[in-house]
Amino acid sequence: MILKSPGCDASTSLRWLVAITPLVGAIGFPLAIPIVMIRIGVGVGIGLTLVLSLLWFIVMLKTAEMPH
């Protein structure tokens, strides 16, 4: 029987976030931008591109696993 420590859930969710962040950005970004450009407009699509890429970049830096 394996006992989980209290901090195990936070570590697991962080690892899940680290694993899924590149996938969400690589798949969701190219799908969302053209849909927004078609339905709302090119200007809004460009603005959304800037905002999403900035947020994705920040999340990627925050969740990066680098040696200390």
C-alpha atoms as a PDB file:
ATOM      1  CA  MET A   1       0.000   0.000   0.000  1.00  0.00           C
ATOM      2  CA  ILE A   2       1.374   3.408  -1.001  1.00  0.00           C
ATOM      3  CA  LEU A   3       0.533   6.354   1.214  1.00  0.00           C
ATOM      4  CA  LYS A   4       0.292   9.763  -0.394  1.00  0.00           C
ATOM      5  CA  SER A   5       1.773  12.776   1.286  1.00  0.00           C
ATOM      6  CA  PRO A   6      -0.380  15.901   1.705  1.00  0.00           C
ATOM      7  CA  GLY A   7       1.640  17.815  -0.919  1.00  0.00           C
ATOM      8  CA  CYS A   8       1.239  15.116  -3.544  1.00  0.00           C
ATOM      9  CA  ASP A   9      -1.957  16.552  -5.049  1.00  0.00           C
ATOM     10  CA  ALA A  10      -0.381  19.955  -5.704  1.00  0.00           C
ATOM     11  CA  SER A  11       2.647  18.342  -7.301  1.00  0.00           C
ATOM     12  CA  THR A  12       0.462  16.157  -9.485  1.00  0.00           C
ATOM     13  CA  SER A  13      -1.658  19.075 -10.672  1.00  0.00           C
ATOM     14  CA  LEU A  14       1.458  21.138 -11.422  1.00  0.00           C
ATOM     15  CA  ARG A  15       2.940  18.288 -13.459  1.00  0.00           C
ATOM     16  CA  TRP A  16      -0.346  17.970 -15.333  1.00  0.00           C
ATOM     17  CA  LEU A  17      -0.312  21.723 -16.063  1.00  0.00           C
ATOM     18  CA  VAL A  18       3.300  21.535 -17.243  1.00  0.00           C
ATOM     19  CA  ALA A  19       2.445  18.650 -19.560  1.00  0.00           C
ATOM     20  CA  ILE A  20      -0.738  20.122 -21.016  1.00  0.00           C
ATOM     21  CA  THR A  21       0.352  23.772 -21.506  1.00  0.00           C
ATOM     22  CA  PRO A  22       2.341  23.236 -24.730  1.00  0.00           C
ATOM     23  CA  LEU A  23      -0.416  21.052 -26.168  1.00  0.00           C
ATOM     24  CA  VAL A  24      -3.156  23.568 -25.463  1.00  0.00           C
ATOM     25  CA  GLY A  25      -1.130  26.359 -27.021  1.00  0.00           C
ATOM     26  CA  ALA A  26      -0.074  24.370 -30.058  1.00  0.00           C
ATOM     27  CA  ILE A  27      -3.559  23.012 -30.793  1.00  0.00           C
ATOM     28  CA  GLY A  28      -5.916  25.664 -29.448  1.00  0.00           C
ATOM     29  CA  PHE A  29      -4.114  28.746 -30.738  1.00  0.00           C
ATOM     30  CA  PRO A  30      -4.266  27.899 -34.481  1.00  0.00           C
ATOM     31  CA  LEU A  31      -7.912  26.865 -34.123  1.00  0.00           C
ATOM     32  CA  ALA A  32      -9.135  29.878 -32.138  1.00  0.00           C
ATOM     33  CA  ILE A  33      -7.544  32.684 -34.148  1.00  0.00           C
ATOM     34  CA  PRO A  34      -9.052  31.930 -37.607  1.00  0.00           C
ATOM     35  CA  ILE A  35     -12.480  31.324 -36.067  1.00  0.00           C
ATOM     36  CA  VAL A  36     -12.366  34.694 -34.307  1.00  0.00           C
ATOM     37  CA  MET A  37     -11.121  36.404 -37.490  1.00  0.00           C
ATOM     38  CA  ILE A  38     -13.970  34.941 -39.541  1.00  0.00           C
ATOM     39  CA  ARG A  39     -16.759  35.570 -37.022  1.00  0.00           C
ATOM     40  CA  ILE A  40     -15.741  38.879 -35.422  1.00  0.00           C
ATOM     41  CA  GLY A  41     -13.061  40.533 -37.546  1.00  0.00           C
ATOM     42  CA  VAL A  42      -9.408  40.683 -38.455  1.00  0.00           C
ATOM     43  CA  GLY A  43      -8.581  43.425 -35.935  1.00  0.00           C
ATOM     44  CA  VAL A  44     -10.022  41.432 -33.057  1.00  0.00           C
ATOM     45  CA  GLY A  45      -8.209  38.333 -34.314  1.00  0.00           C
ATOM     46  CA  ILE A  46      -4.888  40.170 -34.290  1.00  0.00           C
ATOM     47  CA  GLY A  47      -5.576  41.512 -30.800  1.00  0.00           C
ATOM     48  CA  LEU A  48      -6.514  38.039 -29.586  1.00  0.00           C
ATOM     49  CA  THR A  49      -3.328  36.685 -31.146  1.00  0.00           C
ATOM     50  CA  LEU A  50      -1.226  39.149 -29.169  1.00  0.00           C
ATOM     51  CA  VAL A  51      -3.054  38.543 -25.893  1.00  0.00           C
ATOM     52  CA  LEU A  52      -3.112  34.737 -26.168  1.00  0.00           C
ATOM     53  CA  SER A  53       0.522  34.499 -27.209  1.00  0.00           C
ATOM     54  CA  LEU A  54       1.572  36.733 -24.320  1.00  0.00           C
ATOM     55  CA  LEU A  55      -0.460  34.731 -21.779  1.00  0.00           C
ATOM     56  CA  TRP A  56       0.757  31.411 -23.199  1.00  0.00           C
ATOM     57  CA  PHE A  57       4.366  32.601 -23.033  1.00  0.00           C
ATOM     58  CA  ILE A  58       3.959  33.694 -19.403  1.00  0.00           C
ATOM     59  CA  VAL A  59       2.374  30.368 -18.417  1.00  0.00           C
ATOM     60  CA  MET A  60       5.129  28.464 -20.215  1.00  0.00           C
ATOM     61  CA  LEU A  61       7.782  30.422 -18.300  1.00  0.00           C
ATOM     62  CA  LYS A  62       5.994  29.991 -14.955  1.00  0.00           C
ATOM     63  CA  THR A  63       5.614  26.238 -15.385  1.00  0.00           C
ATOM     64  CA  ALA A  64       9.018  25.554 -16.919  1.00  0.00           C
ATOM     65  CA  GLU A  65      10.955  22.825 -15.159  1.00  0.00           C
ATOM     66  CA  MET A  66      14.499  24.107 -14.998  1.00  0.00           C
ATOM     67  CA  PRO A  67      17.271  23.008 -12.684  1.00  0.00           C
ATOM     68  CA  HIS A  68      17.950  25.360  -9.781  1.00  0.00           C
END
